[in-house]
Amino acid sequence: MVTISENIIIGETISHDAKSILRGVRHPFIWKKGLWYGITTSCSGDTIMYVLSSREMRQKFYQNNNLRLLGIAGSIKEAYEIVLKLVQTGYNNDCIYEMKEYLEKF
């Protein structure tokens, strides 16, 4: 099951839907439709972050791997900004810098 971080970062473009998205994350049967992006920890723990689309997060593989949701965004660009904010506030593992470089391409 996906758990929600205590200090989740919500992107400005998705804030109007945040309540229903977070409710859907807690209860996958009422998952909010539409495309959004979740910034999560990896399946192996807190060592790296994933940026997953809402469709990817619905897959059983991700639902059953104890991911922790760190942020939600309305676009890949906004997801990049959240990753950058997490890095700047101290969530800094080596793999996160690789994700930041990957997202800079968009």
Protein backbone atom coordinates (compact mmCIF):
# COMPACT_ATOMS: atom_id res chain seq x y z
CA MET A 1 0.00 0.00 0.00
CA VAL A 2 1.19 3.52 -0.73
CA THR A 3 1.60 5.63 2.39
CA ILE A 4 1.55 9.41 2.42
CA SER A 5 4.50 11.38 3.77
CA GLU A 6 3.86 13.63 6.76
CA ASN A 7 5.06 16.68 4.82
CA ILE A 8 3.78 15.97 1.33
CA ILE A 9 4.45 18.64 -1.30
CA ILE A 10 1.46 19.45 -3.50
CA GLY A 11 2.01 21.19 -6.82
CA GLU A 12 0.09 24.37 -7.52
CA THR A 13 -1.58 23.05 -10.69
CA ILE A 14 -2.96 19.99 -8.91
CA SER A 15 -3.89 21.55 -5.57
CA HIS A 16 -7.58 21.83 -6.48
CA ASP A 17 -7.76 18.01 -6.80
CA ALA A 18 -5.35 17.15 -3.98
CA LYS A 19 -7.98 16.03 -1.47
CA SER A 20 -9.58 13.51 -3.83
CA ILE A 21 -6.18 12.30 -5.10
CA LEU A 22 -4.91 11.68 -1.57
CA ARG A 23 -8.16 9.92 -0.64
CA GLY A 24 -7.69 7.72 -3.71
CA VAL A 25 -4.12 6.91 -2.74
CA ARG A 26 -5.35 5.70 0.66
CA HIS A 27 -8.22 3.71 -0.89
CA PRO A 28 -7.28 2.48 -4.39
CA PHE A 29 -10.86 1.55 -5.22
CA ILE A 30 -11.86 5.23 -5.37
CA TRP A 31 -8.78 6.36 -7.28
CA LYS A 32 -9.05 9.86 -8.73
CA LYS A 33 -9.13 9.76 -12.53
CA GLY A 34 -7.01 12.02 -14.66
CA LEU A 35 -3.30 12.32 -15.22
CA TRP A 36 -1.06 13.52 -12.41
CA TYR A 37 2.39 12.57 -11.17
CA GLY A 38 3.44 11.20 -7.81
CA ILE A 39 6.92 11.58 -6.38
CA THR A 40 7.59 8.51 -4.25
CA THR A 41 10.37 6.65 -2.53
CA SER A 42 11.69 3.59 -4.33
CA CYS A 43 10.43 0.06 -3.72
CA SER A 44 13.61 -0.72 -1.79
CA GLY A 45 13.26 2.13 0.67
CA ASP A 46 14.23 5.78 0.89
CA THR A 47 17.39 5.66 -1.23
CA ILE A 48 15.96 7.06 -4.48
CA MET A 49 12.79 8.72 -5.71
CA TYR A 50 10.42 7.65 -8.46
CA VAL A 51 8.29 10.02 -10.50
CA LEU A 52 5.29 7.91 -11.46
CA SER A 53 2.22 8.83 -13.43
CA SER A 54 -1.16 8.21 -11.84
CA ARG A 55 -1.62 5.27 -14.22
CA GLU A 56 1.65 3.70 -13.10
CA MET A 57 0.76 4.17 -9.44
CA ARG A 58 -2.46 2.19 -9.95
CA GLN A 59 -0.47 -0.93 -10.91
CA LYS A 60 -0.43 -3.68 -8.31
CA PHE A 61 3.37 -3.80 -8.36
CA TYR A 62 3.59 -0.28 -6.97
CA GLN A 63 0.52 -0.66 -4.74
CA ASN A 64 2.11 -3.68 -3.02
CA ASN A 65 5.62 -2.31 -2.45
CA ASN A 66 5.20 0.12 0.44
CA LEU A 67 6.00 3.29 -1.46
CA ARG A 68 5.84 6.57 0.44
CA LEU A 69 4.28 9.47 -1.45
CA LEU A 70 6.45 12.58 -1.09
CA GLY A 71 4.62 14.87 -3.50
CA ILE A 72 2.00 15.16 -6.23
CA ALA A 73 2.23 17.28 -9.37
CA GLY A 74 0.04 18.19 -12.32
CA SER A 75 2.85 17.98 -14.90
CA ILE A 76 6.30 16.48 -15.33
CA LYS A 77 7.75 20.01 -15.08
CA GLU A 78 6.03 20.53 -11.74
CA ALA A 79 7.30 17.10 -10.62
CA TYR A 80 10.83 18.31 -11.45
CA GLU A 81 10.29 21.40 -9.31
CA ILE A 82 9.17 19.22 -6.38
CA VAL A 83 12.20 16.93 -6.78
CA LEU A 84 14.43 20.00 -6.82
CA LYS A 85 12.74 21.36 -3.69
CA LEU A 86 13.24 18.02 -1.91
CA VAL A 87 16.92 18.01 -2.87
CA GLN A 88 17.35 21.60 -1.69
CA THR A 89 15.73 20.85 1.66
CA GLY A 90 18.08 17.98 2.42
CA TYR A 91 16.53 14.88 0.87
CA ASN A 92 19.82 14.30 -0.91
CA ASN A 93 20.95 10.86 -1.94
CA ASP A 94 23.15 10.35 -5.00
CA CYS A 95 20.37 8.81 -7.09
CA ILE A 96 18.14 11.83 -6.52
CA TYR A 97 20.66 13.99 -8.37
CA GLU A 98 20.44 11.55 -11.29
CA MET A 99 16.64 11.93 -11.27
CA LYS A 100 17.04 15.72 -11.20
CA GLU A 101 19.32 15.56 -14.26
CA TYR A 102 16.84 13.29 -16.05
CA LEU A 103 13.94 15.65 -15.37
CA GLU A 104 15.93 18.67 -16.57
CA LYS A 105 15.56 17.28 -20.10
CA PHE A 106 11.84 18.16 -20.08
